Amino acid sequence: MTTATTKKTTHRTAKVVAAPEPEHKLRIRVRAYEHKVLDLSVKQIMDTAQRLDAQVVGPVPLPTEVKRWTVNRSTFVHKDAREQFEMRIHKRLIDILNPSQKVVEALTNLNLPSGVTIDVKMI
């Protein structure tokens, strides 16, 4: 006696609708020692981009980088007496999706306060 088994195959067709990826993205990383100066600079960058009708994502606060040093207070004696110093570097990330030439030109002509470092990448 042989029994025939039939397999039922079901084909599922899933329609995946993906959001359209931006062709170009301008990624701006802003770094500074003082967070108030950093926030003013980020606001100035975002206002400039939004004034020229660019789509802005951010600012995204990145982790603060803390550098610490421990130093002896005295040069020769009292080895237990030490001082500790630290330097904090605050960071923000801004993405501008599909930037036009006017946006790029306006961002390169910005006057930002001293102590603010900007890294711009085109992705």
PDB file of N, CA and C in Angstrom:
ATOM      1  N   MET A   1       0.811  -1.160   0.000  1.00  0.00           N
ATOM      2  CA  MET A   1       0.000   0.000   0.000  1.00  0.00           C
ATOM      3  C   MET A   1       0.868   1.243   0.000  1.00  0.00           C
ATOM      4  N   THR A   2       0.706   2.022  -0.969  1.00  0.00           N
ATOM      5  CA  THR A   2       1.469   3.263  -1.046  1.00  0.00           C
ATOM      6  C   THR A   2       0.500   4.429  -0.903  1.00  0.00           C
ATOM      7  N   THR A   3       0.912   5.346  -0.147  1.00  0.00           N
ATOM      8  CA  THR A   3       0.093   6.547   0.022  1.00  0.00           C
ATOM      9  C   THR A   3       0.802   7.717  -0.646  1.00  0.00           C
ATOM     10  N   ALA A   4       0.054   8.408  -1.373  1.00  0.00           N
ATOM     11  CA  ALA A   4       0.608   9.570  -2.052  1.00  0.00           C
ATOM     12  C   ALA A   4       0.379  10.795  -1.178  1.00  0.00           C
ATOM     13  N   THR A   5       1.444  11.504  -0.951  1.00  0.00           N
ATOM     14  CA  THR A   5       1.315  12.728  -0.174  1.00  0.00           C
ATOM     15  C   THR A   5       1.446  13.909  -1.115  1.00  0.00           C
ATOM     16  N   THR A   6       0.625  14.840  -0.908  1.00  0.00           N
ATOM     17  CA  THR A   6       0.694  16.036  -1.752  1.00  0.00           C
ATOM     18  C   THR A   6       1.173  17.195  -0.890  1.00  0.00           C
ATOM     19  N   LYS A   7       2.084  17.942  -1.468  1.00  0.00           N
ATOM     20  CA  LYS A   7       2.598  19.107  -0.754  1.00  0.00           C
ATOM     21  C   LYS A   7       1.888  20.336  -1.289  1.00  0.00           C
ATOM     22  N   LYS A   8       1.481  21.130  -0.377  1.00  0.00           N
ATOM     23  CA  LYS A   8       0.848  22.378  -0.753  1.00  0.00           C
ATOM     24  C   LYS A   8       1.907  23.468  -0.683  1.00  0.00           C
ATOM     25  N   THR A   9       2.086  24.105  -1.767  1.00  0.00           N
ATOM     26  CA  THR A   9       3.049  25.199  -1.758  1.00  0.00           C
ATOM     27  C   THR A   9       2.277  26.504  -1.865  1.00  0.00           C
ATOM     28  N   THR A  10       2.580  27.360  -0.985  1.00  0.00           N
ATOM     29  CA  THR A  10       1.947  28.678  -1.024  1.00  0.00           C
ATOM     30  C   THR A  10       3.027  29.692  -1.336  1.00  0.00           C
ATOM     31  N   HIS A  11       2.748  30.508  -2.266  1.00  0.00           N
ATOM     32  CA  HIS A  11       3.694  31.553  -2.649  1.00  0.00           C
ATOM     33  C   HIS A  11       3.177  32.876  -2.119  1.00  0.00           C
ATOM     34  N   ARG A  12       3.978  33.473  -1.310  1.00  0.00           N
ATOM     35  CA  ARG A  12       3.621  34.778  -0.779  1.00  0.00           C
ATOM     36  C   ARG A  12       4.407  35.833  -1.541  1.00  0.00           C
ATOM     37  N   THR A  13       3.692  36.768  -2.001  1.00  0.00           N
ATOM     38  CA  THR A  13       4.364  37.871  -2.684  1.00  0.00           C
ATOM     39  C   THR A  13       4.188  39.110  -1.819  1.00  0.00           C
ATOM     40  N   ALA A  14       5.260  39.536  -1.270  1.00  0.00           N
ATOM     41  CA  ALA A  14       5.218  40.715  -0.408  1.00  0.00           C
ATOM     42  C   ALA A  14       5.723  41.914  -1.183  1.00  0.00           C
ATOM     43  N   LYS A  15       4.950  42.936  -1.124  1.00  0.00           N
ATOM     44  CA  LYS A  15       5.361  44.164  -1.779  1.00  0.00           C
ATOM     45  C   LYS A  15       6.070  45.035  -0.747  1.00  0.00           C
ATOM     46  N   VAL A  16       7.300  45.274  -0.995  1.00  0.00           N
ATOM     47  CA  VAL A  16       8.088  46.101  -0.091  1.00  0.00           C
ATOM     48  C   VAL A  16       8.245  47.465  -0.737  1.00  0.00           C
ATOM     49  N   VAL A  17       7.711  48.438  -0.052  1.00  0.00           N
ATOM     50  CA  VAL A  17       7.811  49.801  -0.560  1.00  0.00           C
ATOM     51  C   VAL A  17       8.839  50.518   0.296  1.00  0.00           C
ATOM     52  N   ALA A  18       9.952  50.826  -0.312  1.00  0.00           N
ATOM     53  CA  ALA A  18      11.017  51.497   0.422  1.00  0.00           C
ATOM     54  C   ALA A  18      10.921  52.995   0.190  1.00  0.00           C
ATOM     55  N   ALA A  19      11.326  53.721   1.209  1.00  0.00           N
ATOM     56  CA  ALA A  19      11.358  55.179   1.075  1.00  0.00           C
ATOM     57  C   ALA A  19      12.471  55.538   0.098  1.00  0.00           C
ATOM     58  N   PRO A  20      12.233  56.516  -0.727  1.00  0.00           N
ATOM     59  CA  PRO A  20      13.278  56.876  -1.690  1.00  0.00           C
ATOM     60  C   PRO A  20      14.505  57.427  -0.969  1.00  0.00           C
ATOM     61  N   GLU A  21      15.636  56.848  -1.284  1.00  0.00           N
ATOM     62  CA  GLU A  21      16.885  57.277  -0.679  1.00  0.00           C
ATOM     63  C   GLU A  21      17.331  58.591  -1.303  1.00  0.00           C
ATOM     64  N   PRO A  22      17.829  59.494  -0.494  1.00  0.00           N
ATOM     65  CA  PRO A  22      18.328  60.735  -1.075  1.00  0.00           C
ATOM     66  C   PRO A  22      19.573  60.466  -1.914  1.00  0.00           C
ATOM     67  N   GLU A  23      19.688  61.200  -3.000  1.00  0.00           N
ATOM     68  CA  GLU A  23      20.830  60.989  -3.884  1.00  0.00           C
ATOM     69  C   GLU A  23      22.127  61.454  -3.235  1.00  0.00           C
ATOM     70  N   HIS A  24      22.072  62.620  -2.629  1.00  0.00           N
ATOM     71  CA  HIS A  24      23.247  63.167  -1.966  1.00  0.00           C
ATOM     72  C   HIS A  24      22.854  63.605  -0.568  1.00  0.00           C
ATOM     73  N   LYS A  25      23.826  63.506   0.322  1.00  0.00           N
ATOM     74  CA  LYS A  25      23.596  63.936   1.686  1.00  0.00           C
ATOM     75  C   LYS A  25      24.832  64.686   2.146  1.00  0.00           C
ATOM     76  N   LEU A  26      24.631  65.827   2.752  1.00  0.00           N
ATOM     77  CA  LEU A  26      25.718  66.614   3.302  1.00  0.00           C
ATOM     78  C   LEU A  26      25.733  66.347   4.799  1.00  0.00           C
ATOM     79  N   ARG A  27      26.786  65.709   5.307  1.00  0.00           N
ATOM     80  CA  ARG A  27      26.885  65.380   6.725  1.00  0.00           C
ATOM     81  C   ARG A  27      27.863  66.349   7.374  1.00  0.00           C
ATOM     82  N   ILE A  28      27.371  67.090   8.352  1.00  0.00           N
ATOM     83  CA  ILE A  28      28.168  68.105   9.028  1.00  0.00           C
ATOM     84  C   ILE A  28      28.352  67.691  10.477  1.00  0.00           C
ATOM     85  N   ARG A  29      29.620  67.553  10.891  1.00  0.00           N
ATOM     86  CA  ARG A  29      29.945  67.278  12.294  1.00  0.00           C
ATOM     87  C   ARG A  29      30.544  68.540  12.879  1.00  0.00           C
ATOM     88  N   VAL A  30      29.947  69.027  13.952  1.00  0.00           N
ATOM     89  CA  VAL A  30      30.386  70.263  14.593  1.00  0.00           C
ATOM     90  C   VAL A  30      30.919  69.903  15.968  1.00  0.00           C
ATOM     91  N   ARG A  31      32.119  70.428  16.288  1.00  0.00           N
ATOM     92  CA  ARG A  31      32.764  70.140  17.572  1.00  0.00           C
ATOM     93  C   ARG A  31      33.208  71.437  18.221  1.00  0.00           C
ATOM     94  N   ALA A  32      33.080  71.504  19.554  1.00  0.00           N
ATOM     95  CA  ALA A  32      33.537  72.679  20.297  1.00  0.00           C
ATOM     96  C   ALA A  32      33.759  72.298  21.755  1.00  0.00           C
ATOM     97  N   TYR A  33      34.541  73.136  22.443  1.00  0.00           N
ATOM     98  CA  TYR A  33      34.799  72.908  23.860  1.00  0.00           C
ATOM     99  C   TYR A  33      33.659  73.436  24.729  1.00  0.00           C
ATOM    100  N   GLU A  34      32.980  74.475  24.280  1.00  0.00           N
ATOM    101  CA  GLU A  34      31.884  75.057  25.049  1.00  0.00           C
ATOM    102  C   GLU A  34      30.557  74.725  24.375  1.00  0.00           C
ATOM    103  N   HIS A  35      29.627  74.186  25.145  1.00  0.00           N
ATOM    104  CA  HIS A  35      28.369  73.745  24.545  1.00  0.00           C
ATOM    105  C   HIS A  35      27.478  74.907  24.128  1.00  0.00           C
ATOM    106  N   LYS A  36      27.579  76.050  24.781  1.00  0.00           N
ATOM    107  CA  LYS A  36      26.739  77.192  24.400  1.00  0.00           C
ATOM    108  C   LYS A  36      27.157  77.741  23.042  1.00  0.00           C
ATOM    109  N   VAL A  37      28.451  77.840  22.817  1.00  0.00           N
ATOM    110  CA  VAL A  37      28.962  78.310  21.528  1.00  0.00           C
ATOM    111  C   VAL A  37      28.609  77.298  20.440  1.00  0.00           C
ATOM    112  N   LEU A  38      28.680  76.029  20.774  1.00  0.00           N
ATOM    113  CA  LEU A  38      28.340  74.964  19.825  1.00  0.00           C
ATOM    114  C   LEU A  38      26.870  75.044  19.423  1.00  0.00           C
ATOM    115  N   ASP A  39      25.982  75.232  20.388  1.00  0.00           N
ATOM    116  CA  ASP A  39      24.552  75.298  20.085  1.00  0.00           C
ATOM    117  C   ASP A  39      24.210  76.526  19.241  1.00  0.00           C
ATOM    118  N   LEU A  40      24.881  77.654  19.482  1.00  0.00           N
ATOM    119  CA  LEU A  40      24.655  78.843  18.664  1.00  0.00           C
ATOM    120  C   LEU A  40      25.123  78.612  17.224  1.00  0.00           C
ATOM    121  N   SER A  41      26.251  77.929  17.065  1.00  0.00           N
ATOM    122  CA  SER A  41      26.767  77.645  15.727  1.00  0.00           C
ATOM    123  C   SER A  41      25.839  76.694  14.975  1.00  0.00           C
ATOM    124  N   VAL A  42      25.341  75.674  15.661  1.00  0.00           N
ATOM    125  CA  VAL A  42      24.427  74.713  15.045  1.00  0.00           C
ATOM    126  C   VAL A  42      23.132  75.418  14.631  1.00  0.00           C
ATOM    127  N   LYS A  43      22.640  76.314  15.483  1.00  0.00           N
ATOM    128  CA  LYS A  43      21.424  77.068  15.146  1.00  0.00           C
ATOM    129  C   LYS A  43      21.661  77.935  13.916  1.00  0.00           C
ATOM    130  N   GLN A  44      22.826  78.540  13.813  1.00  0.00           N
ATOM    131  CA  GLN A  44      23.145  79.371  12.661  1.00  0.00           C
ATOM    132  C   GLN A  44      23.208  78.534  11.379  1.00  0.00           C
ATOM    133  N   ILE A  45      23.788  77.344  11.455  1.00  0.00           N
ATOM    134  CA  ILE A  45      23.867  76.442  10.295  1.00  0.00           C
ATOM    135  C   ILE A  45      22.471  76.001   9.872  1.00  0.00           C
ATOM    136  N   MET A  46      21.644  75.628  10.850  1.00  0.00           N
ATOM    137  CA  MET A  46      20.295  75.151  10.529  1.00  0.00           C
ATOM    138  C   MET A  46      19.423  76.269   9.971  1.00  0.00           C
ATOM    139  N   ASP A  47      19.544  77.473  10.509  1.00  0.00           N
ATOM    140  CA  ASP A  47      18.763  78.599   9.987  1.00  0.00           C
ATOM    141  C   ASP A  47      19.144  78.910   8.544  1.00  0.00           C
ATOM    142  N   THR A  48      20.438  78.835   8.250  1.00  0.00           N
ATOM    143  CA  THR A  48      20.898  79.090   6.883  1.00  0.00           C
ATOM    144  C   THR A  48      20.347  78.042   5.924  1.00  0.00           C
ATOM    145  N   ALA A  49      20.386  76.780   6.327  1.00  0.00           N
ATOM    146  CA  ALA A  49      19.899  75.701   5.459  1.00  0.00           C
ATOM    147  C   ALA A  49      18.383  75.781   5.275  1.00  0.00           C
ATOM    148  N   GLN A  50      17.664  76.070   6.330  1.00  0.00           N
ATOM    149  CA  GLN A  50      16.209  76.135   6.227  1.00  0.00           C
ATOM    150  C   GLN A  50      15.750  77.367   5.451  1.00  0.00           C
ATOM    151  N   ARG A  51      16.520  78.443   5.510  1.00  0.00           N
ATOM    152  CA  ARG A  51      16.179  79.646   4.754  1.00  0.00           C
ATOM    153  C   ARG A  51      16.246  79.381   3.252  1.00  0.00           C
ATOM    154  N   LEU A  52      17.124  78.458   2.849  1.00  0.00           N
ATOM    155  CA  LEU A  52      17.271  78.113   1.436  1.00  0.00           C
ATOM    156  C   LEU A  52      16.472  76.861   1.065  1.00  0.00           C
ATOM    157  N   ASP A  53      15.485  76.505   1.878  1.00  0.00           N
ATOM    158  CA  ASP A  53      14.560  75.387   1.636  1.00  0.00           C
ATOM    159  C   ASP A  53      15.260  74.044   1.480  1.00  0.00           C
ATOM    160  N   ALA A  54      16.210  73.777   2.343  1.00  0.00           N
ATOM    161  CA  ALA A  54      16.879  72.475   2.357  1.00  0.00           C
ATOM    162  C   ALA A  54      16.246  71.621   3.450  1.00  0.00           C
ATOM    163  N   GLN A  55      16.210  70.323   3.225  1.00  0.00           N
ATOM    164  CA  GLN A  55      15.653  69.408   4.212  1.00  0.00           C
ATOM    165  C   GLN A  55      16.761  69.059   5.206  1.00  0.00           C
ATOM    166  N   VAL A  56      16.541  69.418   6.479  1.00  0.00           N
ATOM    167  CA  VAL A  56      17.563  69.271   7.513  1.00  0.00           C
ATOM    168  C   VAL A  56      17.144  68.189   8.493  1.00  0.00           C
ATOM    169  N   VAL A  57      18.071  67.309   8.836  1.00  0.00           N
ATOM    170  CA  VAL A  57      17.856  66.284   9.856  1.00  0.00           C
ATOM    171  C   VAL A  57      18.844  66.564  10.977  1.00  0.00           C
ATOM    172  N   GLY A  58      18.341  66.777  12.160  1.00  0.00           N
ATOM    173  CA  GLY A  58      19.237  67.001  13.286  1.00  0.00           C
ATOM    174  C   GLY A  58      18.882  68.290  13.997  1.00  0.00           C
ATOM    175  N   PRO A  59      19.693  68.731  14.857  1.00  0.00           N
ATOM    176  CA  PRO A  59      21.014  68.253  15.250  1.00  0.00           C
ATOM    177  C   PRO A  59      20.926  67.046  16.183  1.00  0.00           C
ATOM    178  N   VAL A  60      21.800  66.109  15.946  1.00  0.00           N
ATOM    179  CA  VAL A  60      21.872  64.908  16.764  1.00  0.00           C
ATOM    180  C   VAL A  60      23.049  65.078  17.727  1.00  0.00           C
ATOM    181  N   PRO A  61      22.803  65.081  19.038  1.00  0.00           N
ATOM    182  CA  PRO A  61      23.926  65.200  19.964  1.00  0.00           C
ATOM    183  C   PRO A  61      24.702  63.890  20.029  1.00  0.00           C
ATOM    184  N   LEU A  62      25.989  63.975  19.791  1.00  0.00           N
ATOM    185  CA  LEU A  62      26.869  62.811  19.878  1.00  0.00           C
ATOM    186  C   LEU A  62      27.498  62.774  21.271  1.00  0.00           C
ATOM    187  N   PRO A  63      28.025  61.640  21.693  1.00  0.00           N
ATOM    188  CA  PRO A  63      28.614  61.557  23.039  1.00  0.00           C
ATOM    189  C   PRO A  63      29.757  62.554  23.217  1.00  0.00           C
ATOM    190  N   THR A  64      29.795  63.140  24.405  1.00  0.00           N
ATOM    191  CA  THR A  64      30.842  64.105  24.730  1.00  0.00           C
ATOM    192  C   THR A  64      32.137  63.357  24.996  1.00  0.00           C
ATOM    193  N   GLU A  65      33.180  63.792  24.331  1.00  0.00           N
ATOM    194  CA  GLU A  65      34.493  63.180  24.502  1.00  0.00           C
ATOM    195  C   GLU A  65      35.188  63.870  25.676  1.00  0.00           C
ATOM    196  N   VAL A  66      35.611  63.087  26.664  1.00  0.00           N
ATOM    197  CA  VAL A  66      36.251  63.650  27.851  1.00  0.00           C
ATOM    198  C   VAL A  66      37.685  63.142  27.908  1.00  0.00           C
ATOM    199  N   LYS A  67      38.629  64.086  27.938  1.00  0.00           N
ATOM    200  CA  LYS A  67      40.044  63.736  28.084  1.00  0.00           C
ATOM    201  C   LYS A  67      40.478  64.184  29.467  1.00  0.00           C
ATOM    202  N   ARG A  68      41.085  63.258  30.237  1.00  0.00           N
ATOM    203  CA  ARG A  68      41.483  63.556  31.611  1.00  0.00           C
ATOM    204  C   ARG A  68      42.981  63.349  31.789  1.00  0.00           C
ATOM    205  N   TRP A  69      43.566  64.239  32.615  1.00  0.00           N
ATOM    206  CA  TRP A  69      44.987  64.124  32.956  1.00  0.00           C
ATOM    207  C   TRP A  69      45.132  64.253  34.462  1.00  0.00           C
ATOM    208  N   THR A  70      46.033  63.449  35.022  1.00  0.00           N
ATOM    209  CA  THR A  70      46.369  63.541  36.438  1.00  0.00           C
ATOM    210  C   THR A  70      47.830  63.938  36.544  1.00  0.00           C
ATOM    211  N   VAL A  71      48.088  64.958  37.362  1.00  0.00           N
ATOM    212  CA  VAL A  71      49.423  65.538  37.446  1.00  0.00           C
ATOM    213  C   VAL A  71      49.808  65.664  38.915  1.00  0.00           C
ATOM    214  N   ASN A  72      51.072  65.390  39.237  1.00  0.00           N
ATOM    215  CA  ASN A  72      51.571  65.619  40.595  1.00  0.00           C
ATOM    216  C   ASN A  72      51.580  67.118  40.885  1.00  0.00           C
ATOM    217  N   ARG A  73      51.148  67.502  42.107  1.00  0.00           N
ATOM    218  CA  ARG A  73      51.158  68.918  42.469  1.00  0.00           C
ATOM    219  C   ARG A  73      52.577  69.412  42.687  1.00  0.00           C
ATOM    220  N   SER A  74      53.381  68.577  43.257  1.00  0.00           N
ATOM    221  CA  SER A  74      54.754  68.993  43.521  1.00  0.00           C
ATOM    222  C   SER A  74      55.687  68.182  42.641  1.00  0.00           C
ATOM    223  N   THR A  75      56.840  68.721  42.405  1.00  0.00           N
ATOM    224  CA  THR A  75      57.747  68.049  41.477  1.00  0.00           C
ATOM    225  C   THR A  75      58.567  66.954  42.130  1.00  0.00           C
ATOM    226  N   PHE A  76      58.862  67.079  43.419  1.00  0.00           N
ATOM    227  CA  PHE A  76      59.824  66.161  44.011  1.00  0.00           C
ATOM    228  C   PHE A  76      59.268  65.378  45.194  1.00  0.00           C
ATOM    229  N   VAL A  77      58.515  66.027  46.058  1.00  0.00           N
ATOM    230  CA  VAL A  77      57.982  65.362  47.262  1.00  0.00           C
ATOM    231  C   VAL A  77      56.455  65.377  47.199  1.00  0.00           C
ATOM    232  N   HIS A  78      55.835  64.770  48.179  1.00  0.00           N
ATOM    233  CA  HIS A  78      54.371  64.710  48.310  1.00  0.00           C
ATOM    234  C   HIS A  78      53.738  64.059  47.072  1.00  0.00           C
ATOM    235  N   LYS A  79      54.078  62.790  46.867  1.00  0.00           N
ATOM    236  CA  LYS A  79      53.594  62.084  45.684  1.00  0.00           C
ATOM    237  C   LYS A  79      52.090  61.806  45.750  1.00  0.00           C
ATOM    238  N   ASP A  80      51.513  61.886  46.953  1.00  0.00           N
ATOM    239  CA  ASP A  80      50.079  61.627  47.059  1.00  0.00           C
ATOM    240  C   ASP A  80      49.233  62.846  46.689  1.00  0.00           C
ATOM    241  N   ALA A  81      49.857  64.007  46.634  1.00  0.00           N
ATOM    242  CA  ALA A  81      49.112  65.226  46.286  1.00  0.00           C
ATOM    243  C   ALA A  81      49.080  65.353  44.762  1.00  0.00           C
ATOM    244  N   ARG A  82      47.892  65.210  44.197  1.00  0.00           N
ATOM    245  CA  ARG A  82      47.756  65.246  42.739  1.00  0.00           C
ATOM    246  C   ARG A  82      46.610  66.156  42.339  1.00  0.00           C
ATOM    247  N   GLU A  83      46.690  66.660  41.122  1.00  0.00           N
ATOM    248  CA  GLU A  83      45.616  67.457  40.543  1.00  0.00           C
ATOM    249  C   GLU A  83      45.084  66.729  39.321  1.00  0.00           C
ATOM    250  N   GLN A  84      43.787  66.882  39.085  1.00  0.00           N
ATOM    251  CA  GLN A  84      43.187  66.271  37.909  1.00  0.00           C
ATOM    252  C   GLN A  84      42.579  67.358  37.031  1.00  0.00           C
ATOM    253  N   PHE A  85      42.851  67.254  35.747  1.00  0.00           N
ATOM    254  CA  PHE A  85      42.325  68.194  34.768  1.00  0.00           C
ATOM    255  C   PHE A  85      41.552  67.410  33.723  1.00  0.00           C
ATOM    256  N   GLU A  86      40.537  68.043  33.161  1.00  0.00           N
ATOM    257  CA  GLU A  86      39.795  67.390  32.099  1.00  0.00           C
ATOM    258  C   GLU A  86      39.402  68.409  31.035  1.00  0.00           C
ATOM    259  N   MET A  87      39.244  67.901  29.822  1.00  0.00           N
ATOM    260  CA  MET A  87      38.846  68.727  28.694  1.00  0.00           C
ATOM    261  C   MET A  87      37.671  68.010  28.023  1.00  0.00           C
ATOM    262  N   ARG A  88      36.542  68.709  27.898  1.00  0.00           N
ATOM    263  CA  ARG A  88      35.344  68.124  27.299  1.00  0.00           C
ATOM    264  C   ARG A  88      35.168  68.661  25.890  1.00  0.00           C
ATOM    265  N   ILE A  89      34.895  67.750  24.952  1.00  0.00           N
ATOM    266  CA  ILE A  89      34.646  68.126  23.570  1.00  0.00           C
ATOM    267  C   ILE A  89      33.214  67.708  23.241  1.00  0.00           C
ATOM    268  N   HIS A  90      32.364  68.717  23.033  1.00  0.00           N
ATOM    269  CA  HIS A  90      30.953  68.477  22.712  1.00  0.00           C
ATOM    270  C   HIS A  90      30.804  68.374  21.202  1.00  0.00           C
ATOM    271  N   LYS A  91      29.910  67.467  20.743  1.00  0.00           N
ATOM    272  CA  LYS A  91      29.758  67.216  19.310  1.00  0.00           C
ATOM    273  C   LYS A  91      28.287  67.178  18.925  1.00  0.00           C
ATOM    274  N   ARG A  92      28.010  67.640  17.706  1.00  0.00           N
ATOM    275  CA  ARG A  92      26.670  67.562  17.123  1.00  0.00           C
ATOM    276  C   ARG A  92      26.789  67.101  15.676  1.00  0.00           C
ATOM    277  N   LEU A  93      25.739  66.456  15.177  1.00  0.00           N
ATOM    278  CA  LEU A  93      25.701  65.945  13.810  1.00  0.00           C
ATOM    279  C   LEU A  93      24.458  66.500  13.119  1.00  0.00           C
ATOM    280  N   ILE A  94      24.652  67.045  11.912  1.00  0.00           N
ATOM    281  CA  ILE A  94      23.551  67.587  11.122  1.00  0.00           C
ATOM    282  C   ILE A  94      23.629  66.972   9.733  1.00  0.00           C
ATOM    283  N   ASP A  95      22.502  66.497   9.217  1.00  0.00           N
ATOM    284  CA  ASP A  95      22.420  65.986   7.850  1.00  0.00           C
ATOM    285  C   ASP A  95      21.533  66.914   7.034  1.00  0.00           C
ATOM    286  N   ILE A  96      21.994  67.248   5.832  1.00  0.00           N
ATOM    287  CA  ILE A  96      21.201  68.029   4.900  1.00  0.00           C
ATOM    288  C   ILE A  96      20.979  67.150   3.676  1.00  0.00           C
ATOM    289  N   LEU A  97      19.720  66.824   3.399  1.00  0.00           N
ATOM    290  CA  LEU A  97      19.387  65.901   2.320  1.00  0.00           C
ATOM    291  C   LEU A  97      19.238  66.661   1.002  1.00  0.00           C
ATOM    292  N   ASN A  98      19.833  66.130  -0.037  1.00  0.00           N
ATOM    293  CA  ASN A  98      19.800  66.704  -1.385  1.00  0.00           C
ATOM    294  C   ASN A  98      20.088  68.206  -1.397  1.00  0.00           C
ATOM    295  N   PRO A  99      21.279  68.606  -0.963  1.00  0.00           N
ATOM    296  CA  PRO A  99      21.576  70.040  -0.902  1.00  0.00           C
ATOM    297  C   PRO A  99      21.769  70.630  -2.299  1.00  0.00           C
ATOM    298  N   SER A 100      21.278  71.828  -2.482  1.00  0.00           N
ATOM    299  CA  SER A 100      21.484  72.521  -3.749  1.00  0.00           C
ATOM    300  C   SER A 100      22.829  73.251  -3.694  1.00  0.00           C
ATOM    301  N   GLN A 101      23.217  73.794  -4.813  1.00  0.00           N
ATOM    302  CA  GLN A 101      24.496  74.510  -4.884  1.00  0.00           C
ATOM    303  C   GLN A 101      24.448  75.767  -4.020  1.00  0.00           C
ATOM    304  N   LYS A 102      23.276  76.401  -3.931  1.00  0.00           N
ATOM    305  CA  LYS A 102      23.138  77.603  -3.110  1.00  0.00           C
ATOM    306  C   LYS A 102      23.351  77.297  -1.632  1.00  0.00           C
ATOM    307  N   VAL A 103      22.855  76.140  -1.193  1.00  0.00           N
ATOM    308  CA  VAL A 103      23.008  75.745   0.210  1.00  0.00           C
ATOM    309  C   VAL A 103      24.479  75.521   0.533  1.00  0.00           C
ATOM    310  N   VAL A 104      25.182  74.818  -0.333  1.00  0.00           N
ATOM    311  CA  VAL A 104      26.600  74.531  -0.104  1.00  0.00           C
ATOM    312  C   VAL A 104      27.402  75.833  -0.084  1.00  0.00           C
ATOM    313  N   GLU A 105      27.082  76.717  -0.997  1.00  0.00           N
ATOM    314  CA  GLU A 105      27.797  77.992  -1.060  1.00  0.00           C
ATOM    315  C   GLU A 105      27.518  78.846   0.172  1.00  0.00           C
ATOM    316  N   ALA A 106      26.275  78.862   0.636  1.00  0.00           N
ATOM    317  CA  ALA A 106      25.926  79.650   1.821  1.00  0.00           C
ATOM    318  C   ALA A 106      26.593  79.090   3.074  1.00  0.00           C
ATOM    319  N   LEU A 107      26.700  77.758   3.156  1.00  0.00           N
ATOM    320  CA  LEU A 107      27.328  77.155   4.329  1.00  0.00           C
ATOM    321  C   LEU A 107      28.842  77.384   4.348  1.00  0.00           C
ATOM    322  N   THR A 108      29.464  77.460   3.185  1.00  0.00           N
ATOM    323  CA  THR A 108      30.909  77.703   3.164  1.00  0.00           C
ATOM    324  C   THR A 108      31.230  79.153   3.502  1.00  0.00           C
ATOM    325  N   ASN A 109      30.276  80.063   3.315  1.00  0.00           N
ATOM    326  CA  ASN A 109      30.519  81.474   3.603  1.00  0.00           C
ATOM    327  C   ASN A 109      30.103  81.887   5.005  1.00  0.00           C
ATOM    328  N   LEU A 110      29.718  80.943   5.859  1.00  0.00           N
ATOM    329  CA  LEU A 110      29.294  81.276   7.216  1.00  0.00           C
ATOM    330  C   LEU A 110      30.483  81.700   8.073  1.00  0.00           C
ATOM    331  N   ASN A 111      30.257  82.706   8.912  1.00  0.00           N
ATOM    332  CA  ASN A 111      31.257  83.106   9.896  1.00  0.00           C
ATOM    333  C   ASN A 111      30.851  82.525  11.236  1.00  0.00           C
ATOM    334  N   LEU A 112      31.594  81.549  11.692  1.00  0.00           N
ATOM    335  CA  LEU A 112      31.296  80.904  12.966  1.00  0.00           C
ATOM    336  C   LEU A 112      32.328  81.337  14.003  1.00  0.00           C
ATOM    337  N   PRO A 113      31.966  81.287  15.291  1.00  0.00           N
ATOM    338  CA  PRO A 113      32.899  81.721  16.331  1.00  0.00           C
ATOM    339  C   PRO A 113      34.150  80.853  16.377  1.00  0.00           C
ATOM    340  N   SER A 114      35.204  81.417  16.942  1.00  0.00           N
ATOM    341  CA  SER A 114      36.440  80.650  17.069  1.00  0.00           C
ATOM    342  C   SER A 114      36.244  79.547  18.105  1.00  0.00           C
ATOM    343  N   GLY A 115      36.936  78.458  17.916  1.00  0.00           N
ATOM    344  CA  GLY A 115      36.797  77.317  18.811  1.00  0.00           C
ATOM    345  C   GLY A 115      35.795  76.295  18.320  1.00  0.00           C
ATOM    346  N   VAL A 116      35.150  76.562  17.191  1.00  0.00           N
ATOM    347  CA  VAL A 116      34.188  75.629  16.621  1.00  0.00           C
ATOM    348  C   VAL A 116      34.826  74.981  15.402  1.00  0.00           C
ATOM    349  N   THR A 117      34.874  73.649  15.394  1.00  0.00           N
ATOM    350  CA  THR A 117      35.450  72.906  14.291  1.00  0.00           C
ATOM    351  C   THR A 117      34.331  72.229  13.514  1.00  0.00           C
ATOM    352  N   ILE A 118      34.417  72.311  12.185  1.00  0.00           N
ATOM    353  CA  ILE A 118      33.374  71.729  11.336  1.00  0.00           C
ATOM    354  C   ILE A 118      34.011  70.740  10.377  1.00  0.00           C
ATOM    355  N   ASP A 119      33.434  69.545  10.288  1.00  0.00           N
ATOM    356  CA  ASP A 119      33.828  68.533   9.299  1.00  0.00           C
ATOM    357  C   ASP A 119      32.628  68.324   8.384  1.00  0.00           C
ATOM    358  N   VAL A 120      32.814  68.534   7.089  1.00  0.00           N
ATOM    359  CA  VAL A 120      31.730  68.393   6.124  1.00  0.00           C
ATOM    360  C   VAL A 120      32.073  67.258   5.176  1.00  0.00           C
ATOM    361  N   LYS A 121      31.144  66.323   5.009  1.00  0.00           N
ATOM    362  CA  LYS A 121      31.319  65.200   4.084  1.00  0.00           C
ATOM    363  C   LYS A 121      30.122  65.119   3.166  1.00  0.00           C
ATOM    364  N   MET A 122      30.383  64.806   1.918  1.00  0.00           N
ATOM    365  CA  MET A 122      29.299  64.566   0.960  1.00  0.00           C
ATOM    366  C   MET A 122      29.153  63.063   0.820  1.00  0.00           C
ATOM    367  N   ILE A 123      27.979  62.552   1.156  1.00  0.00           N
ATOM    368  CA  ILE A 123      27.744  61.106   1.102  1.00  0.00           C
ATOM    369  C   ILE A 123      26.801  60.808  -0.030  1.00  0.00           C
TER     370      ILE A 123
END
